[in-house]
Amino acid sequence: MAATIAIALSGCMSAFDEVRAPPPIPAKLIGAMAKNGSKPESPVLVRIFKQESELEIWKQNKSGQYALLKTYPMCRWSGKLGPKTKAGDRQAPEGFYHVSARMLNPKSQFYLSFNLGYPNRLEQALGYTGEALMVHGACSSSGCYALTDQGVGEIYPVVQRALAGGQGQFQVQAYPFRMTATNMARNSGDPNFNFWKNIKQGYDIFEATKRQPKVSVCGGRYVFNTDFANGEPTDPLGACPATTATSDAGLMARLQTEDAKVAGIVANQTPAPVNSYVDGGMHPSFRTLLEKNGAEKLAAKISGTKYPISRPDAALADPYAGL
């Protein structure tokens, strides 16, 4: 029993030997890809937003830019806003991750899943611990991002097809919230604010260009779209090495404008209290169903696994009501 609890706290581990054949990509999604100028084998990118409980799938089109394919409501995530730092903290991670084919799990106890690759290079260097942090089905989370079986049943074949089509790995960007200047200012009193300012740079680059940001790590932080004179930094905590002068001046100016916008809102607002801890959340659409039908009926509706609906009472508690 103790071993089972330890596994659950460390992440969302597989317990099944059965390999499930993922369903085919729905015809509606293939049609949406064609409309956006992409194909099933075109590269894919994933964005996750905790506060909004949403997961986005983007596909690269003929121009090299990414177009939004579909937004999925997340059924459950655990922990609070902020990065995961240690095993057992129930935190869903935040940051930039890269998923290869070997990280897909067709025999997950939570229907289908893929491993985010936490801890990444930066997190390892910072001493963060934990393993098996997944995107999966079953609406149950111990540090993972959980969807319905139907939701992950659509996402899994989309990312699998992109990897099989030649994309070596796809990028996952996991954020505490949609990183607008208003949302940043609203959370300026949080201890994670400086970390969020760092990952917001990657968010802003993607918003401006619709191209996947290049992610490097040095100086104990993420560094984006930077070319280094002597190759990529090897020490995530060491000082960032010399760079070549190839930065996009227009893009840099846009990022500076966004920084100034956040600073301006912060300077003119009354400091807001930091939210008290409430264990994670779920998309309002599922919260409504949970309130109406109860956990057992909702579980039967959205998942065929034996591990559905993690901590329904906590999921119903909305830490963002009124914001």
C-alpha atoms as a PDB file:
ATOM      1  CA  MET A   1       0.000   0.000   0.000  1.00  0.00           C
ATOM      2  CA  ALA A   2       2.782   2.418   0.931  1.00  0.00           C
ATOM      3  CA  ALA A   3       4.494   1.782  -2.398  1.00  0.00           C
ATOM      4  CA  THR A   4       1.258   2.544  -4.252  1.00  0.00           C
ATOM      5  CA  ILE A   5       0.890   5.842  -2.406  1.00  0.00           C
ATOM      6  CA  ALA A   6       4.504   6.779  -3.164  1.00  0.00           C
ATOM      7  CA  ILE A   7       3.953   6.139  -6.875  1.00  0.00           C
ATOM      8  CA  ALA A   8       0.777   8.217  -6.899  1.00  0.00           C
ATOM      9  CA  LEU A   9       2.510  11.139  -5.217  1.00  0.00           C
ATOM     10  CA  SER A  10       5.486  11.054  -7.563  1.00  0.00           C
ATOM     11  CA  GLY A  11       3.359  11.396 -10.655  1.00  0.00           C
ATOM     12  CA  CYS A  12       0.957   9.470 -12.869  1.00  0.00           C
ATOM     13  CA  MET A  13       2.665   6.150 -13.441  1.00  0.00           C
ATOM     14  CA  SER A  14       1.535   3.354 -15.742  1.00  0.00           C
ATOM     15  CA  ALA A  15       0.220   0.190 -14.121  1.00  0.00           C
ATOM     16  CA  PHE A  16      -1.135  -1.689 -17.146  1.00  0.00           C
ATOM     17  CA  ASP A  17       0.518  -4.070 -19.595  1.00  0.00           C
ATOM     18  CA  GLU A  18      -2.211  -3.668 -22.192  1.00  0.00           C
ATOM     19  CA  VAL A  19      -1.175  -1.536 -25.162  1.00  0.00           C
ATOM     20  CA  ARG A  20      -4.148   0.469 -26.374  1.00  0.00           C
ATOM     21  CA  ALA A  21      -4.361   1.362 -30.032  1.00  0.00           C
ATOM     22  CA  PRO A  22      -5.193   5.081 -30.050  1.00  0.00           C
ATOM     23  CA  PRO A  23      -8.277   6.047 -32.007  1.00  0.00           C
ATOM     24  CA  PRO A  24      -7.761   7.653 -35.416  1.00  0.00           C
ATOM     25  CA  ILE A  25      -7.621  11.413 -35.759  1.00  0.00           C
ATOM     26  CA  PRO A  26     -11.248  12.564 -36.102  1.00  0.00           C
ATOM     27  CA  ALA A  27     -12.257  13.634 -39.589  1.00  0.00           C
ATOM     28  CA  LYS A  28     -13.308  17.011 -38.211  1.00  0.00           C
ATOM     29  CA  LEU A  29      -9.758  17.668 -36.952  1.00  0.00           C
ATOM     30  CA  ILE A  30      -8.232  16.599 -40.269  1.00  0.00           C
ATOM     31  CA  GLY A  31     -10.593  19.025 -41.983  1.00  0.00           C
ATOM     32  CA  ALA A  32      -9.546  21.794 -39.580  1.00  0.00           C
ATOM     33  CA  MET A  33      -5.889  21.068 -40.361  1.00  0.00           C
ATOM     34  CA  ALA A  34      -6.538  21.381 -44.082  1.00  0.00           C
ATOM     35  CA  LYS A  35      -8.348  24.665 -43.533  1.00  0.00           C
ATOM     36  CA  ASN A  36      -5.319  25.996 -41.584  1.00  0.00           C
ATOM     37  CA  GLY A  37      -2.879  24.845 -44.284  1.00  0.00           C
ATOM     38  CA  SER A  38      -1.411  21.919 -42.374  1.00  0.00           C
ATOM     39  CA  LYS A  39      -1.476  18.119 -42.583  1.00  0.00           C
ATOM     40  CA  PRO A  40      -1.698  15.313 -39.997  1.00  0.00           C
ATOM     41  CA  GLU A  41       2.089  14.820 -40.207  1.00  0.00           C
ATOM     42  CA  SER A  42       2.837  18.560 -39.810  1.00  0.00           C
ATOM     43  CA  PRO A  43       4.652  19.617 -36.596  1.00  0.00           C
ATOM     44  CA  VAL A  44       2.541  20.186 -33.502  1.00  0.00           C
ATOM     45  CA  LEU A  45       2.871  22.422 -30.420  1.00  0.00           C
ATOM     46  CA  VAL A  46       0.943  22.298 -27.128  1.00  0.00           C
ATOM     47  CA  ARG A  47       0.100  25.132 -24.723  1.00  0.00           C
ATOM     48  CA  ILE A  48      -1.402  24.570 -21.253  1.00  0.00           C
ATOM     49  CA  PHE A  49      -3.027  27.148 -18.982  1.00  0.00           C
ATOM     50  CA  LYS A  50      -3.780  26.232 -15.365  1.00  0.00           C
ATOM     51  CA  GLN A  51      -6.085  29.033 -14.262  1.00  0.00           C
ATOM     52  CA  GLU A  52      -8.248  28.743 -17.354  1.00  0.00           C
ATOM     53  CA  SER A  53      -7.972  24.916 -17.277  1.00  0.00           C
ATOM     54  CA  GLU A  54      -7.400  24.781 -21.025  1.00  0.00           C
ATOM     55  CA  LEU A  55      -5.014  22.893 -23.310  1.00  0.00           C
ATOM     56  CA  GLU A  56      -4.359  24.100 -26.852  1.00  0.00           C
ATOM     57  CA  ILE A  57      -3.140  22.071 -29.838  1.00  0.00           C
ATOM     58  CA  TRP A  58      -1.400  24.050 -32.588  1.00  0.00           C
ATOM     59  CA  LYS A  59      -0.300  22.760 -36.004  1.00  0.00           C
ATOM     60  CA  GLN A  60       2.374  24.228 -38.255  1.00  0.00           C
ATOM     61  CA  ASN A  61       1.166  25.430 -41.649  1.00  0.00           C
ATOM     62  CA  LYS A  62       2.945  25.879 -44.986  1.00  0.00           C
ATOM     63  CA  SER A  63       4.363  29.266 -43.956  1.00  0.00           C
ATOM     64  CA  GLY A  64       6.121  27.737 -40.945  1.00  0.00           C
ATOM     65  CA  GLN A  65       3.784  29.467 -38.510  1.00  0.00           C
ATOM     66  CA  TYR A  66       1.509  27.647 -36.091  1.00  0.00           C
ATOM     67  CA  ALA A  67      -2.268  27.888 -36.263  1.00  0.00           C
ATOM     68  CA  LEU A  68      -4.584  26.930 -33.426  1.00  0.00           C
ATOM     69  CA  LEU A  69      -6.215  23.581 -34.162  1.00  0.00           C
ATOM     70  CA  LYS A  70      -8.385  23.083 -31.069  1.00  0.00           C
ATOM     71  CA  THR A  71      -8.718  24.115 -27.425  1.00  0.00           C
ATOM     72  CA  TYR A  72      -9.585  21.363 -24.941  1.00  0.00           C
ATOM     73  CA  PRO A  73     -11.105  21.989 -21.508  1.00  0.00           C
ATOM     74  CA  MET A  74      -8.963  20.327 -18.854  1.00  0.00           C
ATOM     75  CA  CYS A  75     -10.926  18.139 -16.489  1.00  0.00           C
ATOM     76  CA  ARG A  76      -8.477  18.315 -13.593  1.00  0.00           C
ATOM     77  CA  TRP A  77      -5.125  19.673 -12.522  1.00  0.00           C
ATOM     78  CA  SER A  78      -3.700  19.591  -9.013  1.00  0.00           C
ATOM     79  CA  GLY A  79      -1.648  21.866  -6.801  1.00  0.00           C
ATOM     80  CA  LYS A  80      -1.642  25.639  -7.175  1.00  0.00           C
ATOM     81  CA  LEU A  81      -0.313  28.303  -9.513  1.00  0.00           C
ATOM     82  CA  GLY A  82       3.464  28.053  -9.630  1.00  0.00           C
ATOM     83  CA  PRO A  83       6.148  25.583 -10.749  1.00  0.00           C
ATOM     84  CA  LYS A  84       6.617  22.071  -9.423  1.00  0.00           C
ATOM     85  CA  THR A  85       9.705  21.856  -7.205  1.00  0.00           C
ATOM     86  CA  LYS A  86       9.595  18.532  -5.362  1.00  0.00           C
ATOM     87  CA  ALA A  87       8.113  15.057  -5.494  1.00  0.00           C
ATOM     88  CA  GLY A  88       4.854  14.753  -3.602  1.00  0.00           C
ATOM     89  CA  ASP A  89       3.870  18.432  -3.722  1.00  0.00           C
ATOM     90  CA  ARG A  90       0.880  17.656  -6.030  1.00  0.00           C
ATOM     91  CA  GLN A  91       2.054  20.465  -8.278  1.00  0.00           C
ATOM     92  CA  ALA A  92       1.439  20.352 -12.020  1.00  0.00           C
ATOM     93  CA  PRO A  93       4.639  21.714 -13.611  1.00  0.00           C
ATOM     94  CA  GLU A  94       5.119  25.030 -15.387  1.00  0.00           C
ATOM     95  CA  GLY A  95       7.786  25.758 -17.969  1.00  0.00           C
ATOM     96  CA  PHE A  96       8.987  24.543 -21.357  1.00  0.00           C
ATOM     97  CA  TYR A  97       9.153  20.856 -22.179  1.00  0.00           C
ATOM     98  CA  HIS A  98       9.965  18.769 -25.242  1.00  0.00           C
ATOM     99  CA  VAL A  99       8.229  15.447 -25.868  1.00  0.00           C
ATOM    100  CA  SER A 100       9.655  12.704 -28.100  1.00  0.00           C
ATOM    101  CA  ALA A 101       8.012   9.503 -29.346  1.00  0.00           C
ATOM    102  CA  ARG A 102       9.494   7.420 -26.508  1.00  0.00           C
ATOM    103  CA  MET A 103       7.564   9.595 -24.026  1.00  0.00           C
ATOM    104  CA  LEU A 104       4.173   8.544 -25.405  1.00  0.00           C
ATOM    105  CA  ASN A 105       2.451   5.893 -23.295  1.00  0.00           C
ATOM    106  CA  PRO A 106      -0.224   3.772 -25.009  1.00  0.00           C
ATOM    107  CA  LYS A 107      -0.701   1.612 -21.901  1.00  0.00           C
ATOM    108  CA  SER A 108      -1.355   4.257 -19.287  1.00  0.00           C
ATOM    109  CA  GLN A 109      -3.588   3.486 -16.324  1.00  0.00           C
ATOM    110  CA  PHE A 110      -5.223   6.798 -17.241  1.00  0.00           C
ATOM    111  CA  TYR A 111      -6.232   5.666 -20.756  1.00  0.00           C
ATOM    112  CA  LEU A 112      -3.523   7.299 -22.936  1.00  0.00           C
ATOM    113  CA  SER A 113      -0.771   9.687 -21.906  1.00  0.00           C
ATOM    114  CA  PHE A 114       2.470  11.425 -22.745  1.00  0.00           C
ATOM    115  CA  ASN A 115       5.227  12.364 -20.328  1.00  0.00           C
ATOM    116  CA  LEU A 116       6.141  16.062 -20.176  1.00  0.00           C
ATOM    117  CA  GLY A 117       9.767  15.321 -19.322  1.00  0.00           C
ATOM    118  CA  TYR A 118       9.774  16.984 -15.911  1.00  0.00           C
ATOM    119  CA  PRO A 119      12.279  17.808 -14.563  1.00  0.00           C
ATOM    120  CA  ASN A 120      13.807  19.450 -17.617  1.00  0.00           C
ATOM    121  CA  ARG A 121      17.450  20.599 -17.747  1.00  0.00           C
ATOM    122  CA  LEU A 122      16.791  23.805 -15.840  1.00  0.00           C
ATOM    123  CA  GLU A 123      14.667  22.101 -13.204  1.00  0.00           C
ATOM    124  CA  GLN A 124      17.252  19.363 -12.699  1.00  0.00           C
ATOM    125  CA  ALA A 125      19.962  21.984 -12.186  1.00  0.00           C
ATOM    126  CA  LEU A 126      17.780  23.783  -9.636  1.00  0.00           C
ATOM    127  CA  GLY A 127      17.384  20.545  -7.689  1.00  0.00           C
ATOM    128  CA  TYR A 128      13.695  20.037  -8.422  1.00  0.00           C
ATOM    129  CA  THR A 129      12.449  16.474  -7.980  1.00  0.00           C
ATOM    130  CA  GLY A 130       9.559  14.361  -9.225  1.00  0.00           C
ATOM    131  CA  GLU A 131       8.818  12.078 -12.142  1.00  0.00           C
ATOM    132  CA  ALA A 132       6.116  10.825 -14.474  1.00  0.00           C
ATOM    133  CA  LEU A 133       4.301  14.137 -14.875  1.00  0.00           C
ATOM    134  CA  MET A 134       1.832  13.508 -17.666  1.00  0.00           C
ATOM    135  CA  VAL A 135      -0.946  14.755 -19.866  1.00  0.00           C
ATOM    136  CA  HIS A 136      -3.547  11.969 -19.701  1.00  0.00           C
ATOM    137  CA  GLY A 137      -7.225  11.051 -19.451  1.00  0.00           C
ATOM    138  CA  ALA A 138      -9.481   9.938 -16.576  1.00  0.00           C
ATOM    139  CA  CYS A 139      -9.911  13.387 -14.962  1.00  0.00           C
ATOM    140  CA  SER A 140      -7.584  12.414 -12.084  1.00  0.00           C
ATOM    141  CA  SER A 141      -4.468  14.351 -11.134  1.00  0.00           C
ATOM    142  CA  SER A 142      -1.561  13.973  -8.724  1.00  0.00           C
ATOM    143  CA  GLY A 143       0.599  16.624 -10.353  1.00  0.00           C
ATOM    144  CA  CYS A 144      -0.549  15.897 -13.907  1.00  0.00           C
ATOM    145  CA  TYR A 145      -2.786  17.586 -16.466  1.00  0.00           C
ATOM    146  CA  ALA A 146      -5.889  15.436 -16.877  1.00  0.00           C
ATOM    147  CA  LEU A 147      -8.471  15.524 -19.642  1.00  0.00           C
ATOM    148  CA  THR A 148     -11.369  13.250 -20.427  1.00  0.00           C
ATOM    149  CA  ASP A 149     -10.608   9.987 -22.210  1.00  0.00           C
ATOM    150  CA  GLN A 150     -12.256  11.478 -25.293  1.00  0.00           C
ATOM    151  CA  GLY A 151     -10.066  14.582 -25.130  1.00  0.00           C
ATOM    152  CA  VAL A 152      -6.758  12.779 -24.763  1.00  0.00           C
ATOM    153  CA  GLY A 153      -8.022  10.247 -27.316  1.00  0.00           C
ATOM    154  CA  GLU A 154      -8.007  13.072 -29.875  1.00  0.00           C
ATOM    155  CA  ILE A 155      -4.757  14.690 -28.762  1.00  0.00           C
ATOM    156  CA  TYR A 156      -2.682  11.500 -28.598  1.00  0.00           C
ATOM    157  CA  PRO A 157      -3.032  10.488 -32.272  1.00  0.00           C
ATOM    158  CA  VAL A 158      -2.424  14.099 -33.367  1.00  0.00           C
ATOM    159  CA  VAL A 159       0.930  14.321 -31.577  1.00  0.00           C
ATOM    160  CA  GLN A 160       1.803  10.712 -32.464  1.00  0.00           C
ATOM    161  CA  ARG A 161       1.240  11.375 -36.167  1.00  0.00           C
ATOM    162  CA  ALA A 162       3.404  14.513 -36.051  1.00  0.00           C
ATOM    163  CA  LEU A 163       6.249  12.605 -34.401  1.00  0.00           C
ATOM    164  CA  ALA A 164       5.914   9.767 -36.897  1.00  0.00           C
ATOM    165  CA  GLY A 165       5.953  12.339 -39.684  1.00  0.00           C
ATOM    166  CA  GLY A 166       9.451  13.545 -38.804  1.00  0.00           C
ATOM    167  CA  GLN A 167       9.075  15.981 -35.921  1.00  0.00           C
ATOM    168  CA  GLY A 168      11.756  14.779 -33.507  1.00  0.00           C
ATOM    169  CA  GLN A 169      10.015  16.254 -30.491  1.00  0.00           C
ATOM    170  CA  PHE A 170       7.174  18.676 -29.891  1.00  0.00           C
ATOM    171  CA  GLN A 171       7.211  21.591 -27.504  1.00  0.00           C
ATOM    172  CA  VAL A 172       4.848  21.909 -24.553  1.00  0.00           C
ATOM    173  CA  GLN A 173       4.484  25.341 -22.966  1.00  0.00           C
ATOM    174  CA  ALA A 174       2.863  25.103 -19.512  1.00  0.00           C
ATOM    175  CA  TYR A 175       1.711  28.371 -17.926  1.00  0.00           C
ATOM    176  CA  PRO A 176      -0.076  29.398 -14.727  1.00  0.00           C
ATOM    177  CA  PHE A 177      -2.552  31.500 -16.732  1.00  0.00           C
ATOM    178  CA  ARG A 178      -2.818  33.332 -20.041  1.00  0.00           C
ATOM    179  CA  MET A 179       0.084  35.683 -19.598  1.00  0.00           C
ATOM    180  CA  THR A 180      -1.473  38.985 -20.489  1.00  0.00           C
ATOM    181  CA  ALA A 181      -0.205  42.159 -18.840  1.00  0.00           C
ATOM    182  CA  THR A 182      -3.409  42.337 -16.780  1.00  0.00           C
ATOM    183  CA  ASN A 183      -3.069  38.778 -15.482  1.00  0.00           C
ATOM    184  CA  MET A 184       0.611  39.320 -14.711  1.00  0.00           C
ATOM    185  CA  ALA A 185      -0.098  42.502 -12.767  1.00  0.00           C
ATOM    186  CA  ARG A 186      -2.915  40.786 -10.877  1.00  0.00           C
ATOM    187  CA  ASN A 187      -0.393  38.215  -9.653  1.00  0.00           C
ATOM    188  CA  SER A 188       2.530  40.568  -9.051  1.00  0.00           C
ATOM    189  CA  GLY A 189       2.528  39.832  -5.318  1.00  0.00           C
ATOM    190  CA  ASP A 190       3.062  36.116  -5.843  1.00  0.00           C
ATOM    191  CA  PRO A 191       6.490  34.677  -4.882  1.00  0.00           C
ATOM    192  CA  ASN A 192       6.677  33.162  -8.385  1.00  0.00           C
ATOM    193  CA  PHE A 193       6.309  36.509 -10.160  1.00  0.00           C
ATOM    194  CA  ASN A 194       9.930  36.714 -11.370  1.00  0.00           C
ATOM    195  CA  PHE A 195       9.738  33.165 -12.719  1.00  0.00           C
ATOM    196  CA  TRP A 196       6.508  34.050 -14.504  1.00  0.00           C
ATOM    197  CA  LYS A 197       8.158  37.146 -15.999  1.00  0.00           C
ATOM    198  CA  ASN A 198      10.792  34.818 -17.431  1.00  0.00           C
ATOM    199  CA  ILE A 199       8.396  32.315 -19.032  1.00  0.00           C
ATOM    200  CA  LYS A 200       6.201  35.168 -20.256  1.00  0.00           C
ATOM    201  CA  GLN A 201       9.013  36.043 -22.679  1.00  0.00           C
ATOM    202  CA  GLY A 202       8.480  32.710 -24.435  1.00  0.00           C
ATOM    203  CA  TYR A 203       4.715  33.255 -24.361  1.00  0.00           C
ATOM    204  CA  ASP A 204       5.064  36.727 -25.894  1.00  0.00           C
ATOM    205  CA  ILE A 205       7.413  35.497 -28.638  1.00  0.00           C
ATOM    206  CA  PHE A 206       4.936  32.835 -29.686  1.00  0.00           C
ATOM    207  CA  GLU A 207       2.019  35.272 -29.516  1.00  0.00           C
ATOM    208  CA  ALA A 208       3.889  37.738 -31.731  1.00  0.00           C
ATOM    209  CA  THR A 209       5.357  35.349 -34.288  1.00  0.00           C
ATOM    210  CA  LYS A 210       3.263  32.152 -34.108  1.00  0.00           C
ATOM    211  CA  ARG A 211       6.571  30.328 -34.389  1.00  0.00           C
ATOM    212  CA  GLN A 212       8.014  27.965 -31.813  1.00  0.00           C
ATOM    213  CA  PRO A 213      10.514  29.820 -29.625  1.00  0.00           C
ATOM    214  CA  LYS A 214      13.981  28.361 -29.351  1.00  0.00           C
ATOM    215  CA  VAL A 215      14.555  27.581 -25.671  1.00  0.00           C
ATOM    216  CA  SER A 216      17.985  27.696 -24.011  1.00  0.00           C
ATOM    217  CA  VAL A 217      18.893  27.670 -20.321  1.00  0.00           C
ATOM    218  CA  CYS A 218      21.614  29.627 -18.556  1.00  0.00           C
ATOM    219  CA  GLY A 219      21.882  31.994 -15.619  1.00  0.00           C
ATOM    220  CA  GLY A 220      19.248  29.912 -13.809  1.00  0.00           C
ATOM    221  CA  ARG A 221      16.519  30.879 -16.254  1.00  0.00           C
ATOM    222  CA  TYR A 222      15.068  30.236 -19.685  1.00  0.00           C
ATOM    223  CA  VAL A 223      16.563  32.221 -22.563  1.00  0.00           C
ATOM    224  CA  PHE A 224      14.620  32.482 -25.806  1.00  0.00           C
ATOM    225  CA  ASN A 225      15.548  32.888 -29.477  1.00  0.00           C
ATOM    226  CA  THR A 226      19.177  33.550 -28.647  1.00  0.00           C
ATOM    227  CA  ASP A 227      22.177  32.476 -30.701  1.00  0.00           C
ATOM    228  CA  PHE A 228      25.336  31.987 -28.645  1.00  0.00           C
ATOM    229  CA  ALA A 229      28.730  32.688 -30.163  1.00  0.00           C
ATOM    230  CA  ASN A 230      30.258  29.357 -29.053  1.00  0.00           C
ATOM    231  CA  GLY A 231      27.235  27.076 -29.106  1.00  0.00           C
ATOM    232  CA  GLU A 232      24.468  26.354 -26.623  1.00  0.00           C
ATOM    233  CA  PRO A 233      25.220  26.929 -22.909  1.00  0.00           C
ATOM    234  CA  THR A 234      26.174  23.725 -21.079  1.00  0.00           C
ATOM    235  CA  ASP A 235      25.678  24.956 -17.499  1.00  0.00           C
ATOM    236  CA  PRO A 236      22.043  25.908 -16.757  1.00  0.00           C
ATOM    237  CA  LEU A 237      23.114  27.827 -13.650  1.00  0.00           C
ATOM    238  CA  GLY A 238      26.245  29.418 -15.083  1.00  0.00           C
ATOM    239  CA  ALA A 239      26.403  32.914 -16.516  1.00  0.00           C
ATOM    240  CA  CYS A 240      24.985  33.176 -20.017  1.00  0.00           C
ATOM    241  CA  PRO A 241      27.833  33.169 -22.579  1.00  0.00           C
ATOM    242  CA  ALA A 242      28.401  35.717 -25.295  1.00  0.00           C
ATOM    243  CA  THR A 243      25.753  35.956 -27.978  1.00  0.00           C
ATOM    244  CA  THR A 244      25.775  36.846 -31.635  1.00  0.00           C
ATOM    245  CA  ALA A 245      23.937  39.976 -32.731  1.00  0.00           C
ATOM    246  CA  THR A 246      21.083  38.267 -34.541  1.00  0.00           C
ATOM    247  CA  SER A 247      18.099  39.208 -32.373  1.00  0.00           C
ATOM    248  CA  ASP A 248      14.988  40.488 -34.110  1.00  0.00           C
ATOM    249  CA  ALA A 249      14.968  44.169 -33.162  1.00  0.00           C
ATOM    250  CA  GLY A 250      11.242  44.540 -33.774  1.00  0.00           C
ATOM    251  CA  LEU A 251      10.418  41.540 -31.626  1.00  0.00           C
ATOM    252  CA  MET A 252      12.708  42.723 -28.837  1.00  0.00           C
ATOM    253  CA  ALA A 253      10.988  46.100 -28.883  1.00  0.00           C
ATOM    254  CA  ARG A 254       7.615  44.399 -28.587  1.00  0.00           C
ATOM    255  CA  LEU A 255       8.786  42.396 -25.576  1.00  0.00           C
ATOM    256  CA  GLN A 256      10.078  45.561 -23.920  1.00  0.00           C
ATOM    257  CA  THR A 257       6.749  47.274 -24.547  1.00  0.00           C
ATOM    258  CA  GLU A 258       4.939  44.365 -22.900  1.00  0.00           C
ATOM    259  CA  ASP A 259       7.276  44.560 -19.883  1.00  0.00           C
ATOM    260  CA  ALA A 260       6.552  48.269 -19.562  1.00  0.00           C
ATOM    261  CA  LYS A 261       2.811  47.603 -19.773  1.00  0.00           C
ATOM    262  CA  VAL A 262       2.995  45.157 -16.858  1.00  0.00           C
ATOM    263  CA  ALA A 263       5.111  47.564 -14.804  1.00  0.00           C
ATOM    264  CA  GLY A 264       2.666  50.394 -15.499  1.00  0.00           C
ATOM    265  CA  ILE A 265      -0.357  48.404 -14.340  1.00  0.00           C
ATOM    266  CA  VAL A 266       1.471  47.212 -11.210  1.00  0.00           C
ATOM    267  CA  ALA A 267       2.510  50.751 -10.320  1.00  0.00           C
ATOM    268  CA  ASN A 268      -1.070  52.014 -10.488  1.00  0.00           C
ATOM    269  CA  GLN A 269      -2.892  49.210  -8.670  1.00  0.00           C
ATOM    270  CA  THR A 270      -3.542  48.358  -5.057  1.00  0.00           C
ATOM    271  CA  PRO A 271      -1.555  45.230  -4.167  1.00  0.00           C
ATOM    272  CA  ALA A 272      -3.826  42.197  -4.216  1.00  0.00           C
ATOM    273  CA  PRO A 273      -3.581  39.514  -1.536  1.00  0.00           C
ATOM    274  CA  VAL A 274      -1.986  36.243  -2.587  1.00  0.00           C
ATOM    275  CA  ASN A 275      -4.609  33.523  -3.094  1.00  0.00           C
ATOM    276  CA  SER A 276      -4.845  31.029  -0.268  1.00  0.00           C
ATOM    277  CA  TYR A 277      -3.973  27.458  -1.235  1.00  0.00           C
ATOM    278  CA  VAL A 278      -6.747  25.504  -2.905  1.00  0.00           C
ATOM    279  CA  ASP A 279      -5.884  22.199  -4.536  1.00  0.00           C
ATOM    280  CA  GLY A 280      -6.006  22.780  -8.267  1.00  0.00           C
ATOM    281  CA  GLY A 281      -9.116  23.109 -10.350  1.00  0.00           C
ATOM    282  CA  MET A 282     -11.083  22.047 -13.384  1.00  0.00           C
ATOM    283  CA  HIS A 283     -12.670  23.752 -16.367  1.00  0.00           C
ATOM    284  CA  PRO A 284     -16.002  25.405 -15.505  1.00  0.00           C
ATOM    285  CA  SER A 285     -17.818  23.118 -17.946  1.00  0.00           C
ATOM    286  CA  PHE A 286     -16.807  20.047 -15.927  1.00  0.00           C
ATOM    287  CA  ARG A 287     -17.403  21.777 -12.613  1.00  0.00           C
ATOM    288  CA  THR A 288     -20.979  22.440 -13.702  1.00  0.00           C
ATOM    289  CA  LEU A 289     -21.463  18.784 -14.629  1.00  0.00           C
ATOM    290  CA  LEU A 290     -19.918  17.676 -11.356  1.00  0.00           C
ATOM    291  CA  GLU A 291     -22.246  19.889  -9.345  1.00  0.00           C
ATOM    292  CA  LYS A 292     -25.239  18.650 -11.324  1.00  0.00           C
ATOM    293  CA  ASN A 293     -24.503  14.917 -11.531  1.00  0.00           C
ATOM    294  CA  GLY A 294     -22.010  14.116  -8.789  1.00  0.00           C
ATOM    295  CA  ALA A 295     -18.600  12.523  -9.140  1.00  0.00           C
ATOM    296  CA  GLU A 296     -19.706   8.971  -9.910  1.00  0.00           C
ATOM    297  CA  LYS A 297     -22.014   9.902 -12.788  1.00  0.00           C
ATOM    298  CA  LEU A 298     -19.491  12.331 -14.225  1.00  0.00           C
ATOM    299  CA  ALA A 299     -16.792   9.660 -13.984  1.00  0.00           C
ATOM    300  CA  ALA A 300     -18.934   7.183 -15.878  1.00  0.00           C
ATOM    301  CA  LYS A 301     -19.592   9.784 -18.551  1.00  0.00           C
ATOM    302  CA  ILE A 302     -16.026  10.888 -19.221  1.00  0.00           C
ATOM    303  CA  SER A 303     -13.777   7.925 -18.437  1.00  0.00           C
ATOM    304  CA  GLY A 304     -13.686   4.168 -18.818  1.00  0.00           C
ATOM    305  CA  THR A 305     -10.721   3.728 -16.455  1.00  0.00           C
ATOM    306  CA  LYS A 306     -10.907   2.763 -12.800  1.00  0.00           C
ATOM    307  CA  TYR A 307      -9.191   5.956 -11.563  1.00  0.00           C
ATOM    308  CA  PRO A 308     -11.517   8.850 -12.430  1.00  0.00           C
ATOM    309  CA  ILE A 309     -12.310  12.169 -10.698  1.00  0.00           C
ATOM    310  CA  SER A 310      -9.465  12.989  -8.365  1.00  0.00           C
ATOM    311  CA  ARG A 311     -10.500  14.955  -5.241  1.00  0.00           C
ATOM    312  CA  PRO A 312     -13.895  16.209  -6.523  1.00  0.00           C
ATOM    313  CA  ASP A 313     -14.508  18.476  -3.520  1.00  0.00           C
ATOM    314  CA  ALA A 314     -11.239  20.298  -4.134  1.00  0.00           C
ATOM    315  CA  ALA A 315     -12.024  20.543  -7.833  1.00  0.00           C
ATOM    316  CA  LEU A 316     -15.343  22.198  -7.057  1.00  0.00           C
ATOM    317  CA  ALA A 317     -13.684  24.852  -4.917  1.00  0.00           C
ATOM    318  CA  ASP A 318     -12.890  27.712  -7.292  1.00  0.00           C
ATOM    319  CA  PRO A 319      -9.896  29.775  -6.061  1.00  0.00           C
ATOM    320  CA  TYR A 320     -10.417  32.311  -8.855  1.00  0.00           C
ATOM    321  CA  ALA A 321     -14.070  33.195  -8.305  1.00  0.00           C
ATOM    322  CA  GLY A 322     -14.647  36.905  -8.753  1.00  0.00           C
ATOM    323  CA  LEU A 323     -11.307  37.617 -10.429  1.00  0.00           C
END
